[in-house]
Amino acid sequence: MKLRITGRHMDVTSALRRYLETRFDRLDRYEVKAGMIQVVLSVEKLQHKAEAVCMVHGKRVQAKTSTREMYATIDALVDRIDGQLRKLKERLVSHKPAKATRVRSVRALAAEWQEVPVFKVERRAVPVLSFSEAHDRFGGHSEAFLLFANVETGSLHVLQRSVSGRVVLIEPFAEGRRGHSFPGAGE
């Protein structure tokens, strides 16, 4: 942590400079990166004043104190900065910023969307067959189903091979009607 020490209406002695550096060294325990701490010391009448300003993780940390003795003023200044850095460190450790959480969730959603399988759409001609032609064509293949258009009604039907090996005809129906087994199939 670098200190830039300025004196207003006073000279900053080497002893005062060393005292400031040793007192501000205790702030290193918070392990926060404060690039440069600007300290301004001044004397007005009988009051010794001290100000410190720095930026830590994009937040401005500043403190001002005033007493009748410069060393006591420096001690009070370091205590105030210490308290602010402690609170900032606790916030960084215990709380996750809402903005970063939202960004992560959007990235997670984008990753999930990429994992969703994309269906390939193909246009194929559906053969127009009678029930017996469909059964003959389906019987010779090992496929699980056959989609065809009924020559008599023009509606779509599906022949499906069940687990037991029977061939089942699936046809569109109004409520109350059910699909039925193709006559003579799988017996």
N, C-alpha and C. Protein backbone atom coordinates (compact mmCIF):
# COMPACT_ATOMS: atom_id res chain seq x y z
N MET A 1 0.85 -1.15 0.00
CA MET A 1 0.00 0.00 0.00
C MET A 1 0.91 1.23 0.00
N LYS A 2 0.69 2.13 -0.95
CA LYS A 2 1.52 3.33 -1.05
C LYS A 2 0.81 4.50 -0.40
N LEU A 3 1.58 5.32 0.26
CA LEU A 3 1.06 6.52 0.91
C LEU A 3 1.60 7.75 0.20
N ARG A 4 0.72 8.69 -0.07
CA ARG A 4 1.14 10.00 -0.54
C ARG A 4 0.76 10.97 0.56
N ILE A 5 1.76 11.51 1.23
CA ILE A 5 1.54 12.35 2.41
C ILE A 5 1.79 13.81 2.03
N THR A 6 0.80 14.65 2.34
CA THR A 6 0.89 16.07 2.04
C THR A 6 0.64 16.85 3.33
N GLY A 7 1.37 17.93 3.49
CA GLY A 7 1.17 18.78 4.66
C GLY A 7 0.67 20.14 4.26
N ARG A 8 -0.37 20.63 4.93
CA ARG A 8 -0.90 21.99 4.68
C ARG A 8 -0.57 22.84 5.90
N HIS A 9 0.09 23.93 5.65
CA HIS A 9 0.48 24.86 6.72
C HIS A 9 1.39 24.18 7.74
N MET A 10 2.12 23.16 7.31
CA MET A 10 3.06 22.49 8.21
C MET A 10 4.04 21.67 7.39
N ASP A 11 5.16 21.36 7.97
CA ASP A 11 6.14 20.47 7.35
C ASP A 11 5.93 19.07 7.91
N VAL A 12 5.97 18.08 7.02
CA VAL A 12 5.84 16.68 7.45
C VAL A 12 7.25 16.18 7.73
N THR A 13 7.54 15.95 8.99
CA THR A 13 8.88 15.50 9.40
C THR A 13 9.04 14.01 9.08
N SER A 14 10.29 13.57 9.06
CA SER A 14 10.54 12.15 8.78
C SER A 14 9.97 11.27 9.90
N ALA A 15 9.98 11.74 11.14
CA ALA A 15 9.40 10.98 12.25
C ALA A 15 7.89 10.83 12.07
N LEU A 16 7.22 11.89 11.65
CA LEU A 16 5.78 11.84 11.40
C LEU A 16 5.46 10.92 10.24
N ARG A 17 6.30 10.99 9.19
CA ARG A 17 6.13 10.14 8.01
C ARG A 17 6.29 8.66 8.40
N ARG A 18 7.29 8.31 9.21
CA ARG A 18 7.50 6.93 9.66
C ARG A 18 6.33 6.45 10.51
N TYR A 19 5.83 7.32 11.38
CA TYR A 19 4.71 6.96 12.25
C TYR A 19 3.46 6.66 11.40
N LEU A 20 3.21 7.51 10.39
CA LEU A 20 2.08 7.27 9.48
C LEU A 20 2.22 5.92 8.78
N GLU A 21 3.42 5.64 8.25
CA GLU A 21 3.63 4.39 7.53
C GLU A 21 3.44 3.18 8.43
N THR A 22 3.94 3.23 9.66
CA THR A 22 3.78 2.07 10.56
C THR A 22 2.32 1.89 10.95
N ARG A 23 1.58 2.98 11.15
CA ARG A 23 0.17 2.86 11.51
C ARG A 23 -0.65 2.34 10.34
N PHE A 24 -0.36 2.80 9.12
CA PHE A 24 -1.12 2.34 7.95
C PHE A 24 -0.73 0.93 7.54
N ASP A 25 0.42 0.43 7.97
CA ASP A 25 0.82 -0.95 7.66
C ASP A 25 -0.15 -1.97 8.25
N ARG A 26 -0.82 -1.62 9.33
CA ARG A 26 -1.76 -2.56 9.95
C ARG A 26 -2.97 -2.82 9.06
N LEU A 27 -3.22 -1.97 8.07
CA LEU A 27 -4.36 -2.15 7.16
C LEU A 27 -4.11 -3.26 6.15
N ASP A 28 -2.85 -3.71 6.03
CA ASP A 28 -2.54 -4.78 5.09
C ASP A 28 -3.19 -6.10 5.48
N ARG A 29 -3.61 -6.25 6.73
CA ARG A 29 -4.19 -7.52 7.18
C ARG A 29 -5.52 -7.83 6.51
N TYR A 30 -6.18 -6.82 5.94
CA TYR A 30 -7.46 -7.06 5.27
C TYR A 30 -7.30 -7.57 3.85
N GLU A 31 -6.10 -7.54 3.34
CA GLU A 31 -5.78 -8.06 2.02
C GLU A 31 -6.68 -7.49 0.93
N VAL A 32 -6.95 -6.22 1.02
CA VAL A 32 -7.68 -5.53 -0.03
C VAL A 32 -6.69 -4.65 -0.77
N LYS A 33 -6.91 -4.50 -2.04
CA LYS A 33 -5.98 -3.71 -2.83
C LYS A 33 -6.42 -2.26 -2.87
N ALA A 34 -5.68 -1.45 -2.15
CA ALA A 34 -5.86 -0.01 -2.21
C ALA A 34 -4.61 0.52 -2.89
N GLY A 35 -4.75 1.00 -4.10
CA GLY A 35 -3.59 1.42 -4.87
C GLY A 35 -2.76 2.48 -4.18
N MET A 36 -3.36 3.61 -3.91
CA MET A 36 -2.65 4.72 -3.30
C MET A 36 -3.57 5.36 -2.28
N ILE A 37 -3.02 5.60 -1.10
CA ILE A 37 -3.77 6.31 -0.07
C ILE A 37 -3.19 7.71 0.03
N GLN A 38 -4.05 8.67 -0.19
CA GLN A 38 -3.61 10.06 -0.11
C GLN A 38 -3.97 10.59 1.28
N VAL A 39 -2.94 11.02 2.02
CA VAL A 39 -3.12 11.53 3.38
C VAL A 39 -2.75 13.01 3.38
N VAL A 40 -3.64 13.83 3.91
CA VAL A 40 -3.39 15.27 4.01
C VAL A 40 -3.42 15.64 5.49
N LEU A 41 -2.30 16.18 5.97
CA LEU A 41 -2.19 16.62 7.36
C LEU A 41 -2.20 18.15 7.37
N SER A 42 -2.91 18.73 8.33
CA SER A 42 -2.94 20.19 8.41
C SER A 42 -3.09 20.65 9.85
N VAL A 43 -2.73 21.90 10.06
CA VAL A 43 -2.86 22.52 11.37
C VAL A 43 -3.60 23.84 11.17
N GLU A 44 -4.70 24.03 11.92
CA GLU A 44 -5.45 25.28 11.91
C GLU A 44 -5.70 25.68 13.35
N LYS A 45 -5.14 26.77 13.71
CA LYS A 45 -5.19 27.27 15.10
C LYS A 45 -4.67 26.18 16.02
N LEU A 46 -5.47 25.65 16.91
CA LEU A 46 -5.00 24.61 17.82
C LEU A 46 -5.46 23.20 17.40
N GLN A 47 -6.09 23.11 16.26
CA GLN A 47 -6.60 21.81 15.80
C GLN A 47 -5.65 21.16 14.80
N HIS A 48 -5.31 19.90 15.02
CA HIS A 48 -4.52 19.11 14.08
C HIS A 48 -5.49 18.22 13.33
N LYS A 49 -5.52 18.37 12.00
CA LYS A 49 -6.49 17.65 11.18
C LYS A 49 -5.76 16.66 10.26
N ALA A 50 -6.46 15.58 9.96
CA ALA A 50 -5.93 14.59 9.04
C ALA A 50 -7.07 14.04 8.19
N GLU A 51 -6.79 13.87 6.90
CA GLU A 51 -7.76 13.30 5.96
C GLU A 51 -7.06 12.19 5.18
N ALA A 52 -7.80 11.14 4.86
CA ALA A 52 -7.25 10.07 4.03
C ALA A 52 -8.32 9.67 3.01
N VAL A 53 -7.88 9.45 1.76
CA VAL A 53 -8.78 9.06 0.69
C VAL A 53 -8.10 7.97 -0.13
N CYS A 54 -8.87 6.91 -0.46
CA CYS A 54 -8.35 5.86 -1.35
C CYS A 54 -9.51 5.15 -2.03
N MET A 55 -9.21 4.39 -3.07
CA MET A 55 -10.21 3.59 -3.79
C MET A 55 -9.88 2.12 -3.55
N VAL A 56 -10.90 1.35 -3.12
CA VAL A 56 -10.74 -0.07 -2.87
C VAL A 56 -11.88 -0.80 -3.57
N HIS A 57 -11.56 -1.66 -4.53
CA HIS A 57 -12.57 -2.42 -5.28
C HIS A 57 -13.65 -1.50 -5.85
N GLY A 58 -13.25 -0.35 -6.36
CA GLY A 58 -14.19 0.58 -6.97
C GLY A 58 -14.99 1.41 -5.99
N LYS A 59 -14.75 1.25 -4.71
CA LYS A 59 -15.45 2.02 -3.69
C LYS A 59 -14.50 3.06 -3.11
N ARG A 60 -15.03 4.24 -2.86
CA ARG A 60 -14.22 5.32 -2.28
C ARG A 60 -14.25 5.19 -0.76
N VAL A 61 -13.07 5.12 -0.16
CA VAL A 61 -12.93 5.05 1.29
C VAL A 61 -12.25 6.33 1.72
N GLN A 62 -12.89 7.06 2.64
CA GLN A 62 -12.30 8.31 3.11
C GLN A 62 -12.65 8.53 4.57
N ALA A 63 -11.79 9.28 5.23
CA ALA A 63 -12.00 9.60 6.65
C ALA A 63 -11.35 10.93 6.97
N LYS A 64 -11.93 11.63 7.93
CA LYS A 64 -11.38 12.90 8.43
C LYS A 64 -11.44 12.87 9.94
N THR A 65 -10.38 13.36 10.56
CA THR A 65 -10.37 13.47 12.02
C THR A 65 -9.68 14.76 12.43
N SER A 66 -9.93 15.13 13.68
CA SER A 66 -9.34 16.36 14.20
C SER A 66 -9.22 16.24 15.71
N THR A 67 -8.02 16.50 16.22
CA THR A 67 -7.78 16.53 17.67
C THR A 67 -6.79 17.66 17.97
N ARG A 68 -6.37 17.76 19.21
CA ARG A 68 -5.41 18.78 19.61
C ARG A 68 -3.97 18.30 19.46
N GLU A 69 -3.77 17.02 19.12
CA GLU A 69 -2.41 16.46 19.02
C GLU A 69 -2.31 15.63 17.74
N MET A 70 -1.24 15.81 16.94
CA MET A 70 -1.14 15.19 15.63
C MET A 70 -1.07 13.67 15.71
N TYR A 71 -0.34 13.09 16.63
CA TYR A 71 -0.22 11.63 16.71
C TYR A 71 -1.58 11.00 17.08
N ALA A 72 -2.34 11.65 17.94
CA ALA A 72 -3.67 11.16 18.28
C ALA A 72 -4.61 11.26 17.08
N THR A 73 -4.43 12.32 16.29
CA THR A 73 -5.24 12.49 15.08
C THR A 73 -4.95 11.37 14.09
N ILE A 74 -3.67 11.04 13.92
CA ILE A 74 -3.29 9.95 13.00
C ILE A 74 -3.87 8.63 13.49
N ASP A 75 -3.80 8.37 14.80
CA ASP A 75 -4.37 7.13 15.34
C ASP A 75 -5.87 7.04 15.07
N ALA A 76 -6.59 8.14 15.28
CA ALA A 76 -8.04 8.15 15.04
C ALA A 76 -8.35 7.96 13.55
N LEU A 77 -7.53 8.56 12.69
CA LEU A 77 -7.72 8.42 11.24
C LEU A 77 -7.55 6.97 10.81
N VAL A 78 -6.50 6.33 11.29
CA VAL A 78 -6.25 4.93 10.93
C VAL A 78 -7.37 4.03 11.46
N ASP A 79 -7.88 4.33 12.66
CA ASP A 79 -8.99 3.55 13.21
C ASP A 79 -10.24 3.66 12.33
N ARG A 80 -10.52 4.85 11.85
CA ARG A 80 -11.70 5.05 10.99
C ARG A 80 -11.54 4.32 9.65
N ILE A 81 -10.37 4.44 9.05
CA ILE A 81 -10.12 3.74 7.78
C ILE A 81 -10.18 2.23 8.02
N ASP A 82 -9.62 1.77 9.14
CA ASP A 82 -9.63 0.36 9.49
C ASP A 82 -11.06 -0.17 9.57
N GLY A 83 -11.95 0.58 10.22
CA GLY A 83 -13.35 0.16 10.33
C GLY A 83 -14.03 0.07 8.98
N GLN A 84 -13.76 1.03 8.10
CA GLN A 84 -14.37 1.00 6.77
C GLN A 84 -13.86 -0.18 5.95
N LEU A 85 -12.55 -0.43 6.02
CA LEU A 85 -11.99 -1.57 5.27
C LEU A 85 -12.51 -2.90 5.82
N ARG A 86 -12.69 -3.00 7.13
CA ARG A 86 -13.23 -4.23 7.72
C ARG A 86 -14.65 -4.49 7.21
N LYS A 87 -15.48 -3.46 7.19
CA LYS A 87 -16.85 -3.61 6.69
C LYS A 87 -16.85 -3.97 5.21
N LEU A 88 -15.99 -3.34 4.44
CA LEU A 88 -15.91 -3.63 3.01
C LEU A 88 -15.47 -5.07 2.78
N LYS A 89 -14.50 -5.51 3.52
CA LYS A 89 -14.01 -6.89 3.39
C LYS A 89 -15.11 -7.89 3.77
N GLU A 90 -15.87 -7.61 4.83
CA GLU A 90 -16.96 -8.49 5.23
C GLU A 90 -18.02 -8.57 4.16
N ARG A 91 -18.33 -7.45 3.53
CA ARG A 91 -19.31 -7.45 2.45
C ARG A 91 -18.83 -8.27 1.26
N LEU A 92 -17.56 -8.13 0.93
CA LEU A 92 -17.01 -8.87 -0.20
C LEU A 92 -17.00 -10.37 0.07
N VAL A 93 -16.73 -10.76 1.30
CA VAL A 93 -16.63 -12.18 1.63
C VAL A 93 -18.00 -12.81 1.81
N SER A 94 -18.92 -12.14 2.52
CA SER A 94 -20.18 -12.78 2.89
C SER A 94 -21.31 -12.56 1.90
N HIS A 95 -21.24 -11.56 1.06
CA HIS A 95 -22.34 -11.28 0.15
C HIS A 95 -21.86 -11.34 -1.29
N LYS A 96 -22.70 -11.96 -2.10
CA LYS A 96 -22.40 -11.96 -3.53
C LYS A 96 -23.15 -10.79 -4.16
N PRO A 97 -22.51 -10.03 -4.99
CA PRO A 97 -23.20 -8.90 -5.60
C PRO A 97 -24.32 -9.38 -6.53
N ALA A 98 -25.45 -8.72 -6.47
CA ALA A 98 -26.63 -9.13 -7.25
C ALA A 98 -26.36 -9.07 -8.74
N LYS A 99 -25.63 -8.08 -9.18
CA LYS A 99 -25.37 -7.92 -10.60
C LYS A 99 -24.58 -9.12 -11.14
N ALA A 100 -23.58 -9.54 -10.44
CA ALA A 100 -22.78 -10.67 -10.89
C ALA A 100 -23.61 -11.95 -10.89
N THR A 101 -24.51 -12.11 -9.94
CA THR A 101 -25.37 -13.28 -9.89
C THR A 101 -26.26 -13.32 -11.12
N ARG A 102 -26.82 -12.18 -11.46
CA ARG A 102 -27.67 -12.15 -12.65
C ARG A 102 -26.89 -12.51 -13.90
N VAL A 103 -25.70 -12.01 -14.02
CA VAL A 103 -24.89 -12.32 -15.19
C VAL A 103 -24.59 -13.81 -15.25
N ARG A 104 -24.24 -14.39 -14.10
CA ARG A 104 -23.97 -15.82 -14.08
C ARG A 104 -25.20 -16.61 -14.46
N SER A 105 -26.38 -16.23 -14.00
CA SER A 105 -27.58 -17.00 -14.31
C SER A 105 -27.91 -16.89 -15.80
N VAL A 106 -27.69 -15.74 -16.39
CA VAL A 106 -27.93 -15.60 -17.83
C VAL A 106 -26.96 -16.48 -18.60
N ARG A 107 -25.70 -16.50 -18.16
CA ARG A 107 -24.73 -17.37 -18.82
C ARG A 107 -25.10 -18.83 -18.65
N ALA A 108 -25.60 -19.19 -17.47
CA ALA A 108 -26.01 -20.57 -17.23
C ALA A 108 -27.19 -20.93 -18.13
N LEU A 109 -28.14 -20.00 -18.28
CA LEU A 109 -29.27 -20.27 -19.18
C LEU A 109 -28.80 -20.43 -20.62
N ALA A 110 -27.87 -19.60 -21.02
CA ALA A 110 -27.35 -19.72 -22.40
C ALA A 110 -26.69 -21.07 -22.60
N ALA A 111 -25.95 -21.53 -21.59
CA ALA A 111 -25.32 -22.85 -21.69
C ALA A 111 -26.37 -23.95 -21.75
N GLU A 112 -27.44 -23.81 -20.97
CA GLU A 112 -28.51 -24.80 -21.01
C GLU A 112 -29.19 -24.81 -22.37
N TRP A 113 -29.41 -23.63 -22.92
CA TRP A 113 -30.06 -23.57 -24.22
C TRP A 113 -29.21 -24.23 -25.29
N GLN A 114 -27.90 -24.15 -25.15
CA GLN A 114 -27.03 -24.80 -26.13
C GLN A 114 -27.06 -26.30 -25.99
N GLU A 115 -27.37 -26.79 -24.77
CA GLU A 115 -27.42 -28.23 -24.55
C GLU A 115 -28.72 -28.85 -25.04
N VAL A 116 -29.77 -28.05 -25.24
CA VAL A 116 -31.05 -28.57 -25.70
C VAL A 116 -30.85 -29.10 -27.12
N PRO A 117 -31.29 -30.36 -27.37
CA PRO A 117 -31.08 -30.91 -28.71
C PRO A 117 -31.90 -30.14 -29.75
N VAL A 118 -31.29 -29.88 -30.85
CA VAL A 118 -31.95 -29.20 -31.95
C VAL A 118 -32.51 -30.27 -32.88
N PHE A 119 -33.79 -30.15 -33.16
CA PHE A 119 -34.43 -31.14 -34.02
C PHE A 119 -34.25 -30.75 -35.47
N LYS A 120 -33.90 -31.72 -36.26
CA LYS A 120 -33.75 -31.49 -37.69
C LYS A 120 -35.09 -31.78 -38.34
N VAL A 121 -35.57 -30.84 -39.11
CA VAL A 121 -36.87 -31.00 -39.77
C VAL A 121 -36.61 -31.44 -41.20
N GLU A 122 -37.22 -32.56 -41.56
CA GLU A 122 -37.12 -33.07 -42.93
C GLU A 122 -38.51 -33.20 -43.51
N ARG A 123 -38.62 -32.89 -44.76
CA ARG A 123 -39.89 -33.09 -45.46
C ARG A 123 -39.76 -34.36 -46.29
N ARG A 124 -40.66 -35.28 -46.05
CA ARG A 124 -40.65 -36.54 -46.80
C ARG A 124 -42.04 -36.81 -47.32
N ALA A 125 -42.08 -37.48 -48.42
CA ALA A 125 -43.37 -37.87 -49.00
C ALA A 125 -43.94 -39.03 -48.20
N VAL A 126 -45.23 -38.97 -47.90
CA VAL A 126 -45.91 -40.04 -47.18
C VAL A 126 -46.62 -40.90 -48.22
N PRO A 127 -46.33 -42.22 -48.21
CA PRO A 127 -46.97 -43.06 -49.23
C PRO A 127 -48.48 -43.18 -48.99
N VAL A 128 -49.21 -43.23 -50.07
CA VAL A 128 -50.65 -43.41 -50.01
C VAL A 128 -50.91 -44.89 -50.26
N LEU A 129 -51.40 -45.58 -49.21
CA LEU A 129 -51.54 -47.02 -49.27
C LEU A 129 -52.88 -47.45 -48.68
N SER A 130 -53.30 -48.63 -49.05
CA SER A 130 -54.45 -49.24 -48.38
C SER A 130 -53.92 -49.96 -47.14
N PHE A 131 -54.83 -50.44 -46.26
CA PHE A 131 -54.39 -51.13 -45.05
C PHE A 131 -53.57 -52.37 -45.39
N SER A 132 -54.01 -53.13 -46.39
CA SER A 132 -53.29 -54.38 -46.71
C SER A 132 -51.92 -54.08 -47.33
N GLU A 133 -51.81 -53.04 -48.18
CA GLU A 133 -50.52 -52.67 -48.75
C GLU A 133 -49.55 -52.19 -47.65
N ALA A 134 -50.09 -51.42 -46.70
CA ALA A 134 -49.26 -50.94 -45.59
C ALA A 134 -48.77 -52.12 -44.77
N HIS A 135 -49.64 -53.10 -44.50
CA HIS A 135 -49.25 -54.26 -43.70
C HIS A 135 -48.19 -55.08 -44.43
N ASP A 136 -48.35 -55.26 -45.73
CA ASP A 136 -47.35 -56.02 -46.49
C ASP A 136 -46.00 -55.31 -46.49
N ARG A 137 -46.00 -53.99 -46.69
CA ARG A 137 -44.75 -53.23 -46.72
C ARG A 137 -44.08 -53.23 -45.34
N PHE A 138 -44.88 -53.10 -44.27
CA PHE A 138 -44.36 -53.03 -42.91
C PHE A 138 -43.86 -54.40 -42.44
N GLY A 139 -44.49 -55.48 -42.88
CA GLY A 139 -44.12 -56.82 -42.44
C GLY A 139 -42.71 -57.20 -42.84
N GLY A 140 -42.22 -56.69 -43.96
CA GLY A 140 -40.89 -57.06 -44.43
C GLY A 140 -39.77 -56.25 -43.82
N HIS A 141 -40.08 -55.21 -43.10
CA HIS A 141 -39.05 -54.34 -42.52
C HIS A 141 -38.97 -54.52 -41.00
N SER A 142 -37.82 -54.18 -40.45
CA SER A 142 -37.64 -54.30 -39.00
C SER A 142 -37.84 -52.96 -38.29
N GLU A 143 -38.42 -51.98 -38.98
CA GLU A 143 -38.62 -50.66 -38.38
C GLU A 143 -39.71 -50.70 -37.33
N ALA A 144 -39.71 -49.73 -36.42
CA ALA A 144 -40.67 -49.70 -35.32
C ALA A 144 -42.05 -49.20 -35.75
N PHE A 145 -42.09 -48.36 -36.80
CA PHE A 145 -43.40 -47.87 -37.25
C PHE A 145 -43.35 -47.50 -38.72
N LEU A 146 -44.55 -47.36 -39.30
CA LEU A 146 -44.71 -46.94 -40.70
C LEU A 146 -45.83 -45.93 -40.74
N LEU A 147 -45.56 -44.75 -41.30
CA LEU A 147 -46.56 -43.70 -41.45
C LEU A 147 -47.06 -43.77 -42.88
N PHE A 148 -48.39 -43.77 -43.05
CA PHE A 148 -48.94 -43.79 -44.41
C PHE A 148 -50.28 -43.06 -44.43
N ALA A 149 -50.67 -42.63 -45.61
CA ALA A 149 -51.97 -42.00 -45.81
C ALA A 149 -52.92 -43.07 -46.34
N ASN A 150 -54.10 -43.15 -45.75
CA ASN A 150 -55.10 -44.14 -46.16
C ASN A 150 -55.66 -43.73 -47.51
N VAL A 151 -55.65 -44.68 -48.44
CA VAL A 151 -56.12 -44.42 -49.80
C VAL A 151 -57.61 -44.10 -49.82
N GLU A 152 -58.37 -44.68 -48.92
CA GLU A 152 -59.83 -44.51 -48.92
C GLU A 152 -60.25 -43.20 -48.25
N THR A 153 -59.63 -42.87 -47.09
CA THR A 153 -60.07 -41.68 -46.34
C THR A 153 -59.14 -40.48 -46.51
N GLY A 154 -57.86 -40.69 -46.88
CA GLY A 154 -56.89 -39.60 -47.02
C GLY A 154 -56.27 -39.20 -45.68
N SER A 155 -56.69 -39.82 -44.59
CA SER A 155 -56.14 -39.46 -43.28
C SER A 155 -54.85 -40.24 -43.01
N LEU A 156 -54.03 -39.71 -42.11
CA LEU A 156 -52.76 -40.34 -41.77
C LEU A 156 -52.99 -41.45 -40.75
N HIS A 157 -52.25 -42.55 -40.90
CA HIS A 157 -52.29 -43.67 -39.98
C HIS A 157 -50.86 -44.11 -39.71
N VAL A 158 -50.69 -44.80 -38.60
CA VAL A 158 -49.36 -45.31 -38.24
C VAL A 158 -49.51 -46.78 -37.91
N LEU A 159 -48.62 -47.60 -38.48
CA LEU A 159 -48.50 -48.99 -38.07
C LEU A 159 -47.31 -49.06 -37.13
N GLN A 160 -47.52 -49.66 -35.97
CA GLN A 160 -46.46 -49.74 -34.97
C GLN A 160 -46.29 -51.17 -34.53
N ARG A 161 -45.01 -51.58 -34.39
CA ARG A 161 -44.73 -52.92 -33.91
C ARG A 161 -44.62 -52.85 -32.40
N SER A 162 -45.46 -53.60 -31.68
CA SER A 162 -45.45 -53.58 -30.22
C SER A 162 -44.31 -54.45 -29.70
N VAL A 163 -44.09 -54.42 -28.39
CA VAL A 163 -43.03 -55.20 -27.77
C VAL A 163 -43.27 -56.69 -27.96
N SER A 164 -44.54 -57.08 -27.95
CA SER A 164 -44.86 -58.50 -28.10
C SER A 164 -44.73 -58.97 -29.55
N GLY A 165 -44.51 -58.05 -30.47
CA GLY A 165 -44.35 -58.42 -31.87
C GLY A 165 -45.59 -58.21 -32.71
N ARG A 166 -46.68 -57.84 -32.07
CA ARG A 166 -47.91 -57.58 -32.81
C ARG A 166 -47.82 -56.27 -33.55
N VAL A 167 -48.55 -56.15 -34.64
CA VAL A 167 -48.62 -54.91 -35.40
C VAL A 167 -49.89 -54.19 -34.99
N VAL A 168 -49.76 -52.93 -34.56
CA VAL A 168 -50.89 -52.14 -34.08
C VAL A 168 -51.11 -51.00 -35.05
N LEU A 169 -52.38 -50.77 -35.41
CA LEU A 169 -52.75 -49.66 -36.29
C LEU A 169 -53.17 -48.49 -35.40
N ILE A 170 -52.53 -47.36 -35.57
CA ILE A 170 -52.89 -46.14 -34.84
C ILE A 170 -53.49 -45.20 -35.86
N GLU A 171 -54.75 -44.83 -35.62
CA GLU A 171 -55.44 -43.92 -36.54
C GLU A 171 -56.03 -42.77 -35.76
N PRO A 172 -56.19 -41.61 -36.40
CA PRO A 172 -56.81 -40.49 -35.70
C PRO A 172 -58.24 -40.87 -35.34
N PHE A 173 -58.68 -40.43 -34.16
CA PHE A 173 -60.04 -40.80 -33.76
C PHE A 173 -60.71 -39.65 -33.04
N ALA A 174 -62.01 -39.70 -33.12
CA ALA A 174 -62.81 -38.77 -32.33
C ALA A 174 -62.90 -39.38 -30.94
N GLU A 175 -63.23 -38.58 -29.93
CA GLU A 175 -63.31 -39.12 -28.58
C GLU A 175 -64.26 -40.29 -28.55
N GLY A 176 -63.84 -41.33 -27.82
CA GLY A 176 -64.68 -42.52 -27.69
C GLY A 176 -64.20 -43.66 -28.56
N ARG A 177 -63.47 -43.40 -29.66
CA ARG A 177 -62.94 -44.46 -30.51
C ARG A 177 -61.51 -44.73 -30.12
N ARG A 178 -61.04 -45.94 -30.34
CA ARG A 178 -59.67 -46.31 -29.98
C ARG A 178 -58.99 -46.95 -31.19
N GLY A 179 -57.63 -46.96 -31.11
CA GLY A 179 -56.87 -47.69 -32.13
C GLY A 179 -57.12 -49.18 -31.94
N HIS A 180 -56.96 -49.94 -32.99
CA HIS A 180 -57.19 -51.37 -32.88
C HIS A 180 -56.10 -52.13 -33.61
N SER A 181 -55.98 -53.40 -33.31
CA SER A 181 -55.00 -54.23 -33.97
C SER A 181 -55.42 -54.47 -35.40
N PHE A 182 -54.46 -54.53 -36.30
CA PHE A 182 -54.73 -54.80 -37.70
C PHE A 182 -55.17 -56.26 -37.82
N PRO A 183 -56.28 -56.52 -38.54
CA PRO A 183 -56.80 -57.89 -38.60
C PRO A 183 -55.76 -58.85 -39.16
N GLY A 184 -55.53 -59.91 -38.44
CA GLY A 184 -54.63 -60.96 -38.89
C GLY A 184 -53.17 -60.66 -38.69
N ALA A 185 -52.82 -59.52 -38.11
CA ALA A 185 -51.41 -59.17 -37.94
C ALA A 185 -50.88 -59.74 -36.64
N GLY A 186 -49.68 -60.27 -36.70
CA GLY A 186 -48.97 -60.73 -35.52
C GLY A 186 -49.55 -61.97 -34.89
N GLU A 187 -50.48 -62.64 -35.53
CA GLU A 187 -51.08 -63.82 -34.92
C GLU A 187 -50.47 -65.07 -35.45
